[in-house]
Amino acid sequence: MSGRVVIVTGASSGIGEATARAFGRAGDMVVLVARRAALLERLAGELPDSLVIPADLTQVDDLARVVDRTRSHFGVVDVLVNNAGAGRYDWLEHLSEDDIRSQIRINLTAPILLTRAVLPMMLRRRRGVIINIGSVAGRIGAPTLSIYNATKFGLDGFTEALRREVGPLGIHVCIIYPGPVAGTEFGQEARRVSVGVKTPSVLRRSADQVAVAIVDLADRPRPRRVLPGIYGAAVAVNALVPSMVDAVVARATRRAQQTRRPAAT
């Protein structure tokens, strides 16, 4: 399918950048949203039908501007990809209040508010696709990821509820749960604090592979997709036998805690 108007947030790097390119290759018109204007402009040079909107999605005025400019330029929104996000690996007592609030604002509050702003345009036409970029961390909790987990679990619940709310009105609401993605800024953050549980390279996906899956969801909407699919088994084990996962993770966590620095007071 082509010719759609697609908003991609967090389009300046990683999964968002790859997703914008993938929709562009499919013949869609892409609205590029992120804070780093220079990177967006460079990407727009490769996507002739794109629209650049630099924005900080934690700011209400910027959220409104994204929707207003998209509406005035294209008139409609066919697909919204809520990709912008951030994560901070650390023990909870080491996280500042600002760290906690900023993760919640960008990972959970921003996609909810942007979806609310875009939804009336979709409802008037009784069609549209909303794709939320979740994470396997939205189904399986992990040490040093408590706030990121909380936001992605929240995004999962929001997606499920909204799908049941607007699905009968012609709007598809989907979520994709990627596992570790090679080469992203979040992947680099993961190496800063680790409990020693390593992901085999065969289970890692590139941003381009995730982008292909996102475009496929827009073409053929389904409620959810785990990537790679083998993580679906891990999600099932975590849900059905959480004590087994607790035992495995606890061993790695105890080793990591031996070098844990006291929190600043």
C-alpha atoms as a PDB file:
ATOM      1  CA  MET A   1       0.000   0.000   0.000  1.00  0.00           C
ATOM      2  CA  SER A   2       1.282   3.513  -0.737  1.00  0.00           C
ATOM      3  CA  GLY A   3       0.237   7.148  -0.765  1.00  0.00           C
ATOM      4  CA  ARG A   4      -0.524   7.253   2.936  1.00  0.00           C
ATOM      5  CA  VAL A   5       0.280  10.108   5.303  1.00  0.00           C
ATOM      6  CA  VAL A   6       2.411   8.619   8.090  1.00  0.00           C
ATOM      7  CA  ILE A   7       3.618  10.370  11.241  1.00  0.00           C
ATOM      8  CA  VAL A   8       6.790   8.825  12.664  1.00  0.00           C
ATOM      9  CA  THR A   9       8.021  10.151  16.002  1.00  0.00           C
ATOM     10  CA  GLY A  10      11.622   9.771  17.078  1.00  0.00           C
ATOM     11  CA  ALA A  11      12.534   9.852  13.385  1.00  0.00           C
ATOM     12  CA  SER A  12      16.027  11.284  13.805  1.00  0.00           C
ATOM     13  CA  SER A  13      17.762   7.977  14.626  1.00  0.00           C
ATOM     14  CA  GLY A  14      17.435   4.262  15.253  1.00  0.00           C
ATOM     15  CA  ILE A  15      14.113   2.543  14.664  1.00  0.00           C
ATOM     16  CA  GLY A  16      12.339   5.814  13.858  1.00  0.00           C
ATOM     17  CA  GLU A  17      14.817   6.798  11.145  1.00  0.00           C
ATOM     18  CA  ALA A  18      14.712   3.320   9.613  1.00  0.00           C
ATOM     19  CA  THR A  19      10.903   3.312   9.756  1.00  0.00           C
ATOM     20  CA  ALA A  20      10.650   6.671   7.996  1.00  0.00           C
ATOM     21  CA  ARG A  21      12.881   5.370   5.202  1.00  0.00           C
ATOM     22  CA  ALA A  22      10.840   2.165   4.927  1.00  0.00           C
ATOM     23  CA  PHE A  23       7.559   4.054   4.564  1.00  0.00           C
ATOM     24  CA  GLY A  24       9.235   6.378   2.059  1.00  0.00           C
ATOM     25  CA  ARG A  25      10.342   3.389  -0.029  1.00  0.00           C
ATOM     26  CA  ALA A  26       6.742   2.147   0.078  1.00  0.00           C
ATOM     27  CA  GLY A  27       5.609   5.401  -1.558  1.00  0.00           C
ATOM     28  CA  ASP A  28       4.129   7.033   1.529  1.00  0.00           C
ATOM     29  CA  MET A  29       4.360  10.669   2.637  1.00  0.00           C
ATOM     30  CA  VAL A  30       6.180  10.780   5.956  1.00  0.00           C
ATOM     31  CA  VAL A  31       5.946  13.390   8.697  1.00  0.00           C
ATOM     32  CA  LEU A  32       9.311  13.361  10.456  1.00  0.00           C
ATOM     33  CA  VAL A  33       9.089  14.292  14.143  1.00  0.00           C
ATOM     34  CA  ALA A  34      11.979  14.527  16.626  1.00  0.00           C
ATOM     35  CA  ARG A  35      13.909  17.120  18.598  1.00  0.00           C
ATOM     36  CA  ARG A  36      17.039  17.166  16.421  1.00  0.00           C
ATOM     37  CA  ALA A  37      16.094  19.334  13.454  1.00  0.00           C
ATOM     38  CA  ALA A  38      19.389  18.969  11.578  1.00  0.00           C
ATOM     39  CA  LEU A  39      19.114  15.180  11.506  1.00  0.00           C
ATOM     40  CA  LEU A  40      15.500  15.392  10.342  1.00  0.00           C
ATOM     41  CA  GLU A  41      16.431  17.775   7.523  1.00  0.00           C
ATOM     42  CA  ARG A  42      19.174  15.429   6.373  1.00  0.00           C
ATOM     43  CA  LEU A  43      16.727  12.508   6.342  1.00  0.00           C
ATOM     44  CA  ALA A  44      14.125  14.598   4.513  1.00  0.00           C
ATOM     45  CA  GLY A  45      16.646  15.032   1.703  1.00  0.00           C
ATOM     46  CA  GLU A  46      16.167  11.321   0.987  1.00  0.00           C
ATOM     47  CA  LEU A  47      12.354  11.464   1.256  1.00  0.00           C
ATOM     48  CA  PRO A  48      11.008  14.035  -1.216  1.00  0.00           C
ATOM     49  CA  ASP A  49       7.387  13.900   0.005  1.00  0.00           C
ATOM     50  CA  SER A  50       8.276  14.258   3.679  1.00  0.00           C
ATOM     51  CA  LEU A  51       7.440  17.033   6.137  1.00  0.00           C
ATOM     52  CA  VAL A  52       9.891  17.964   8.899  1.00  0.00           C
ATOM     53  CA  ILE A  53       8.449  19.037  12.257  1.00  0.00           C
ATOM     54  CA  PRO A  54      11.069  19.465  14.989  1.00  0.00           C
ATOM     55  CA  ALA A  55       9.311  18.925  18.302  1.00  0.00           C
ATOM     56  CA  ASP A  56       9.800  17.953  21.918  1.00  0.00           C
ATOM     57  CA  LEU A  57       6.868  15.644  22.549  1.00  0.00           C
ATOM     58  CA  THR A  58       7.008  16.237  26.289  1.00  0.00           C
ATOM     59  CA  GLN A  59       5.766  19.794  25.583  1.00  0.00           C
ATOM     60  CA  VAL A  60       2.017  20.202  25.036  1.00  0.00           C
ATOM     61  CA  ASP A  61       2.473  23.087  22.586  1.00  0.00           C
ATOM     62  CA  ASP A  62       4.820  20.992  20.453  1.00  0.00           C
ATOM     63  CA  LEU A  63       2.340  18.110  20.395  1.00  0.00           C
ATOM     64  CA  ALA A  64      -0.384  20.432  19.142  1.00  0.00           C
ATOM     65  CA  ARG A  65       1.955  21.884  16.513  1.00  0.00           C
ATOM     66  CA  VAL A  66       2.721  18.434  15.101  1.00  0.00           C
ATOM     67  CA  VAL A  67      -0.959  17.755  14.527  1.00  0.00           C
ATOM     68  CA  ASP A  68      -1.792  21.258  13.266  1.00  0.00           C
ATOM     69  CA  ARG A  69       1.044  21.333  10.731  1.00  0.00           C
ATOM     70  CA  THR A  70       0.267  17.826   9.502  1.00  0.00           C
ATOM     71  CA  ARG A  71      -3.392  18.716   9.082  1.00  0.00           C
ATOM     72  CA  SER A  72      -2.663  21.956   7.237  1.00  0.00           C
ATOM     73  CA  HIS A  73      -0.067  20.323   4.949  1.00  0.00           C
ATOM     74  CA  PHE A  74      -1.675  16.964   4.169  1.00  0.00           C
ATOM     75  CA  GLY A  75      -5.229  17.227   5.509  1.00  0.00           C
ATOM     76  CA  VAL A  76      -5.280  13.694   6.945  1.00  0.00           C
ATOM     77  CA  VAL A  77      -3.293  11.185   8.971  1.00  0.00           C
ATOM     78  CA  ASP A  78      -3.479   7.561   7.848  1.00  0.00           C
ATOM     79  CA  VAL A  79      -0.832   6.035  10.120  1.00  0.00           C
ATOM     80  CA  LEU A  80       0.666   7.174  13.418  1.00  0.00           C
ATOM     81  CA  VAL A  81       3.842   5.453  14.602  1.00  0.00           C
ATOM     82  CA  ASN A  82       4.510   6.283  18.256  1.00  0.00           C
ATOM     83  CA  ASN A  83       8.187   5.437  18.315  1.00  0.00           C
ATOM     84  CA  ALA A  84       9.881   8.236  20.291  1.00  0.00           C
ATOM     85  CA  GLY A  85      11.192   6.940  23.577  1.00  0.00           C
ATOM     86  CA  ALA A  86      14.038   6.868  26.027  1.00  0.00           C
ATOM     87  CA  GLY A  87      15.358   4.523  28.656  1.00  0.00           C
ATOM     88  CA  ARG A  88      17.760   4.738  31.538  1.00  0.00           C
ATOM     89  CA  TYR A  89      19.352   1.602  32.922  1.00  0.00           C
ATOM     90  CA  ASP A  90      20.095   1.945  36.631  1.00  0.00           C
ATOM     91  CA  TRP A  91      19.121   0.781  40.080  1.00  0.00           C
ATOM     92  CA  LEU A  92      15.981   2.602  41.163  1.00  0.00           C
ATOM     93  CA  GLU A  93      17.607   4.416  44.098  1.00  0.00           C
ATOM     94  CA  HIS A  94      20.190   5.886  41.719  1.00  0.00           C
ATOM     95  CA  LEU A  95      17.600   7.440  39.427  1.00  0.00           C
ATOM     96  CA  SER A  96      16.761  11.075  40.030  1.00  0.00           C
ATOM     97  CA  GLU A  97      13.178  12.273  40.089  1.00  0.00           C
ATOM     98  CA  ASP A  98      13.857  14.025  36.778  1.00  0.00           C
ATOM     99  CA  ASP A  99      15.088  10.742  35.250  1.00  0.00           C
ATOM    100  CA  ILE A 100      11.881   9.026  36.326  1.00  0.00           C
ATOM    101  CA  ARG A 101       9.514  11.747  35.201  1.00  0.00           C
ATOM    102  CA  SER A 102      11.233  12.237  31.833  1.00  0.00           C
ATOM    103  CA  GLN A 103      10.957   8.534  30.953  1.00  0.00           C
ATOM    104  CA  ILE A 104       7.267   8.527  31.838  1.00  0.00           C
ATOM    105  CA  ARG A 105       6.595  11.686  29.840  1.00  0.00           C
ATOM    106  CA  ILE A 106       8.274  10.571  26.616  1.00  0.00           C
ATOM    107  CA  ASN A 107       7.492   6.839  26.713  1.00  0.00           C
ATOM    108  CA  LEU A 108       3.902   6.918  27.944  1.00  0.00           C
ATOM    109  CA  THR A 109       2.332  10.357  28.295  1.00  0.00           C
ATOM    110  CA  ALA A 110       3.497  11.636  24.884  1.00  0.00           C
ATOM    111  CA  PRO A 111       2.118   8.737  22.800  1.00  0.00           C
ATOM    112  CA  ILE A 112      -1.181   8.890  24.669  1.00  0.00           C
ATOM    113  CA  LEU A 113      -1.575  12.632  24.076  1.00  0.00           C
ATOM    114  CA  LEU A 114      -0.440  12.489  20.442  1.00  0.00           C
ATOM    115  CA  THR A 115      -2.844   9.634  19.758  1.00  0.00           C
ATOM    116  CA  ARG A 116      -5.679  11.587  21.357  1.00  0.00           C
ATOM    117  CA  ALA A 117      -4.868  14.566  19.132  1.00  0.00           C
ATOM    118  CA  VAL A 118      -4.710  12.533  15.910  1.00  0.00           C
ATOM    119  CA  LEU A 119      -7.695  10.289  16.598  1.00  0.00           C
ATOM    120  CA  PRO A 120     -10.481  12.727  15.585  1.00  0.00           C
ATOM    121  CA  MET A 121      -9.081  12.916  12.032  1.00  0.00           C
ATOM    122  CA  MET A 122      -9.115   9.133  11.794  1.00  0.00           C
ATOM    123  CA  LEU A 123     -12.566   8.785  13.334  1.00  0.00           C
ATOM    124  CA  ARG A 124     -14.097  11.222  10.850  1.00  0.00           C
ATOM    125  CA  ARG A 125     -12.916   8.957   8.020  1.00  0.00           C
ATOM    126  CA  ARG A 126     -13.508   5.763  10.003  1.00  0.00           C
ATOM    127  CA  ARG A 127     -10.076   4.460   9.109  1.00  0.00           C
ATOM    128  CA  GLY A 128      -6.509   4.681  10.308  1.00  0.00           C
ATOM    129  CA  VAL A 129      -3.709   2.707  11.911  1.00  0.00           C
ATOM    130  CA  ILE A 130      -1.962   3.528  15.187  1.00  0.00           C
ATOM    131  CA  ILE A 131       1.233   1.579  15.840  1.00  0.00           C
ATOM    132  CA  ASN A 132       2.830   1.832  19.266  1.00  0.00           C
ATOM    133  CA  ILE A 133       6.434   0.755  19.581  1.00  0.00           C
ATOM    134  CA  GLY A 134       6.523  -1.299  22.723  1.00  0.00           C
ATOM    135  CA  SER A 135       9.245  -3.684  23.805  1.00  0.00           C
ATOM    136  CA  VAL A 136       9.721  -7.161  25.172  1.00  0.00           C
ATOM    137  CA  ALA A 137      10.433  -5.066  28.284  1.00  0.00           C
ATOM    138  CA  GLY A 138       6.730  -4.230  28.182  1.00  0.00           C
ATOM    139  CA  ARG A 139       5.957  -7.879  28.963  1.00  0.00           C
ATOM    140  CA  ILE A 140       8.927  -9.013  31.050  1.00  0.00           C
ATOM    141  CA  GLY A 141      10.283  -6.955  33.961  1.00  0.00           C
ATOM    142  CA  ALA A 142      14.040  -6.736  34.434  1.00  0.00           C
ATOM    143  CA  PRO A 143      16.412  -5.331  37.075  1.00  0.00           C
ATOM    144  CA  THR A 144      17.724  -1.801  36.369  1.00  0.00           C
ATOM    145  CA  LEU A 145      14.796  -1.223  34.002  1.00  0.00           C
ATOM    146  CA  SER A 146      12.009  -0.636  36.492  1.00  0.00           C
ATOM    147  CA  ILE A 147      10.848   2.727  35.103  1.00  0.00           C
ATOM    148  CA  TYR A 148      11.293   1.774  31.459  1.00  0.00           C
ATOM    149  CA  ASN A 149       9.372  -1.444  32.199  1.00  0.00           C
ATOM    150  CA  ALA A 150       6.621   0.561  33.884  1.00  0.00           C
ATOM    151  CA  THR A 151       6.195   2.834  30.871  1.00  0.00           C
ATOM    152  CA  LYS A 152       6.191  -0.007  28.340  1.00  0.00           C
ATOM    153  CA  PHE A 153       3.790  -2.102  30.426  1.00  0.00           C
ATOM    154  CA  GLY A 154       1.585   1.009  30.541  1.00  0.00           C
ATOM    155  CA  LEU A 155       1.816   1.475  26.777  1.00  0.00           C
ATOM    156  CA  ASP A 156       0.779  -2.144  26.331  1.00  0.00           C
ATOM    157  CA  GLY A 157      -2.327  -1.633  28.463  1.00  0.00           C
ATOM    158  CA  PHE A 158      -3.166   1.615  26.686  1.00  0.00           C
ATOM    159  CA  THR A 159      -2.884  -0.115  23.307  1.00  0.00           C
ATOM    160  CA  GLU A 160      -5.142  -2.986  24.311  1.00  0.00           C
ATOM    161  CA  ALA A 161      -7.824  -0.736  25.785  1.00  0.00           C
ATOM    162  CA  LEU A 162      -7.792   1.712  22.870  1.00  0.00           C
ATOM    163  CA  ARG A 163      -7.956  -1.117  20.336  1.00  0.00           C
ATOM    164  CA  ARG A 164     -11.177  -2.304  21.960  1.00  0.00           C
ATOM    165  CA  GLU A 165     -12.448   1.272  22.160  1.00  0.00           C
ATOM    166  CA  VAL A 166     -11.952   2.370  18.551  1.00  0.00           C
ATOM    167  CA  GLY A 167     -11.584  -0.923  16.671  1.00  0.00           C
ATOM    168  CA  PRO A 168     -15.351  -1.150  16.046  1.00  0.00           C
ATOM    169  CA  LEU A 169     -15.112   2.329  14.474  1.00  0.00           C
ATOM    170  CA  GLY A 170     -12.578   1.274  11.836  1.00  0.00           C
ATOM    171  CA  ILE A 171      -9.346   2.275  13.596  1.00  0.00           C
ATOM    172  CA  HIS A 172      -6.622  -0.343  14.003  1.00  0.00           C
ATOM    173  CA  VAL A 173      -4.435  -0.044  17.118  1.00  0.00           C
ATOM    174  CA  CYS A 174      -1.353  -2.252  17.081  1.00  0.00           C
ATOM    175  CA  ILE A 175       1.748  -2.774  19.173  1.00  0.00           C
ATOM    176  CA  ILE A 176       5.081  -4.325  18.282  1.00  0.00           C
ATOM    177  CA  TYR A 177       7.420  -5.740  20.918  1.00  0.00           C
ATOM    178  CA  PRO A 178      11.006  -5.753  19.632  1.00  0.00           C
ATOM    179  CA  GLY A 179      13.692  -7.493  21.608  1.00  0.00           C
ATOM    180  CA  PRO A 180      17.180  -5.948  21.736  1.00  0.00           C
ATOM    181  CA  VAL A 181      17.943  -3.861  18.650  1.00  0.00           C
ATOM    182  CA  ALA A 182      21.537  -3.496  17.490  1.00  0.00           C
ATOM    183  CA  GLY A 183      23.043  -0.082  16.880  1.00  0.00           C
ATOM    184  CA  THR A 184      20.469   2.091  18.645  1.00  0.00           C
ATOM    185  CA  GLU A 185      21.143   4.739  21.293  1.00  0.00           C
ATOM    186  CA  PHE A 186      19.122   2.704  23.794  1.00  0.00           C
ATOM    187  CA  GLY A 187      21.298  -0.311  23.066  1.00  0.00           C
ATOM    188  CA  GLN A 188      24.345   1.766  23.899  1.00  0.00           C
ATOM    189  CA  GLU A 189      22.735   2.824  27.187  1.00  0.00           C
ATOM    190  CA  ALA A 190      22.166  -0.854  28.011  1.00  0.00           C
ATOM    191  CA  ARG A 191      25.908  -1.424  28.223  1.00  0.00           C
ATOM    192  CA  ARG A 192      26.338   1.262  30.895  1.00  0.00           C
ATOM    193  CA  VAL A 193      24.626  -0.717  33.671  1.00  0.00           C
ATOM    194  CA  SER A 194      24.239  -4.446  33.258  1.00  0.00           C
ATOM    195  CA  VAL A 195      23.238  -7.360  35.473  1.00  0.00           C
ATOM    196  CA  GLY A 196      25.261  -9.674  33.265  1.00  0.00           C
ATOM    197  CA  VAL A 197      22.422 -11.249  31.254  1.00  0.00           C
ATOM    198  CA  LYS A 198      23.578 -11.122  27.640  1.00  0.00           C
ATOM    199  CA  THR A 199      21.367 -11.444  24.580  1.00  0.00           C
ATOM    200  CA  PRO A 200      22.782 -13.818  21.950  1.00  0.00           C
ATOM    201  CA  SER A 201      23.496 -11.985  18.694  1.00  0.00           C
ATOM    202  CA  VAL A 202      21.164 -14.325  16.815  1.00  0.00           C
ATOM    203  CA  LEU A 203      18.241 -12.856  18.788  1.00  0.00           C
ATOM    204  CA  ARG A 204      19.133  -9.241  18.056  1.00  0.00           C
ATOM    205  CA  ARG A 205      17.452  -7.400  15.219  1.00  0.00           C
ATOM    206  CA  SER A 206      18.588  -4.362  13.285  1.00  0.00           C
ATOM    207  CA  ALA A 207      16.570  -1.156  13.162  1.00  0.00           C
ATOM    208  CA  ASP A 208      15.897  -1.892   9.476  1.00  0.00           C
ATOM    209  CA  GLN A 209      14.392  -5.275  10.325  1.00  0.00           C
ATOM    210  CA  VAL A 210      12.103  -3.701  12.919  1.00  0.00           C
ATOM    211  CA  ALA A 211      11.118  -1.015  10.399  1.00  0.00           C
ATOM    212  CA  VAL A 212      10.080  -3.643   7.843  1.00  0.00           C
ATOM    213  CA  ALA A 213       7.868  -5.261  10.497  1.00  0.00           C
ATOM    214  CA  ILE A 214       6.288  -1.887  11.337  1.00  0.00           C
ATOM    215  CA  VAL A 215       5.408  -1.179   7.692  1.00  0.00           C
ATOM    216  CA  ASP A 216       3.999  -4.695   7.444  1.00  0.00           C
ATOM    217  CA  LEU A 217       1.764  -3.947  10.454  1.00  0.00           C
ATOM    218  CA  ALA A 218       0.519  -0.793   8.716  1.00  0.00           C
ATOM    219  CA  ASP A 219      -0.234  -2.830   5.577  1.00  0.00           C
ATOM    220  CA  ARG A 220      -1.830  -5.741   7.432  1.00  0.00           C
ATOM    221  CA  PRO A 221      -2.840  -4.556  10.917  1.00  0.00           C
ATOM    222  CA  ARG A 222      -2.806  -7.117  13.734  1.00  0.00           C
ATOM    223  CA  PRO A 223      -3.175  -6.415  17.443  1.00  0.00           C
ATOM    224  CA  ARG A 224       0.417  -7.322  18.362  1.00  0.00           C
ATOM    225  CA  ARG A 225       3.687  -8.706  17.096  1.00  0.00           C
ATOM    226  CA  VAL A 226       6.735  -9.949  19.004  1.00  0.00           C
ATOM    227  CA  LEU A 227      10.063  -9.629  17.207  1.00  0.00           C
ATOM    228  CA  PRO A 228      11.789 -12.035  16.880  1.00  0.00           C
ATOM    229  CA  GLY A 229       8.951 -14.485  17.389  1.00  0.00           C
ATOM    230  CA  ILE A 230      10.940 -16.709  19.737  1.00  0.00           C
ATOM    231  CA  TYR A 231      10.546 -14.043  22.429  1.00  0.00           C
ATOM    232  CA  GLY A 232       6.869 -14.955  22.452  1.00  0.00           C
ATOM    233  CA  ALA A 233       7.866 -18.127  24.299  1.00  0.00           C
ATOM    234  CA  ALA A 234       9.788 -16.083  26.873  1.00  0.00           C
ATOM    235  CA  VAL A 235       6.765 -13.840  27.378  1.00  0.00           C
ATOM    236  CA  ALA A 236       4.566 -16.908  27.893  1.00  0.00           C
ATOM    237  CA  VAL A 237       6.954 -18.466  30.422  1.00  0.00           C
ATOM    238  CA  ASN A 238       7.173 -15.184  32.324  1.00  0.00           C
ATOM    239  CA  ALA A 239       3.379 -14.994  32.502  1.00  0.00           C
ATOM    240  CA  LEU A 240       2.743 -18.648  33.349  1.00  0.00           C
ATOM    241  CA  VAL A 241       5.772 -19.550  35.505  1.00  0.00           C
ATOM    242  CA  PRO A 242       7.158 -16.236  36.830  1.00  0.00           C
ATOM    243  CA  SER A 243       9.007 -18.003  39.656  1.00  0.00           C
ATOM    244  CA  MET A 244      11.225 -19.727  37.087  1.00  0.00           C
ATOM    245  CA  VAL A 245      12.223 -16.390  35.570  1.00  0.00           C
ATOM    246  CA  ASP A 246      12.679 -14.914  39.058  1.00  0.00           C
ATOM    247  CA  ALA A 247      15.193 -17.638  39.921  1.00  0.00           C
ATOM    248  CA  VAL A 248      17.247 -17.201  36.739  1.00  0.00           C
ATOM    249  CA  VAL A 249      17.350 -13.409  36.962  1.00  0.00           C
ATOM    250  CA  ALA A 250      18.026 -13.407  40.719  1.00  0.00           C
ATOM    251  CA  ARG A 251      21.325 -15.222  40.274  1.00  0.00           C
ATOM    252  CA  ALA A 252      22.588 -12.639  37.772  1.00  0.00           C
ATOM    253  CA  THR A 253      21.270  -9.775  39.882  1.00  0.00           C
ATOM    254  CA  ARG A 254      23.054 -10.961  43.025  1.00  0.00           C
ATOM    255  CA  ARG A 255      26.350 -11.017  41.129  1.00  0.00           C
ATOM    256  CA  ALA A 256      25.767  -7.502  39.798  1.00  0.00           C
ATOM    257  CA  GLN A 257      24.787  -6.185  43.223  1.00  0.00           C
ATOM    258  CA  GLN A 258      28.189  -7.075  44.612  1.00  0.00           C
ATOM    259  CA  THR A 259      29.627  -4.111  42.686  1.00  0.00           C
ATOM    260  CA  ARG A 260      26.609  -1.863  43.239  1.00  0.00           C
ATOM    261  CA  ARG A 261      27.530   1.635  44.364  1.00  0.00           C
ATOM    262  CA  PRO A 262      25.570   3.262  47.209  1.00  0.00           C
ATOM    263  CA  ALA A 263      23.066   5.833  46.047  1.00  0.00           C
ATOM    264  CA  ALA A 264      23.892   9.477  46.656  1.00  0.00           C
ATOM    265  CA  THR A 265      22.067  10.955  49.628  1.00  0.00           C
END
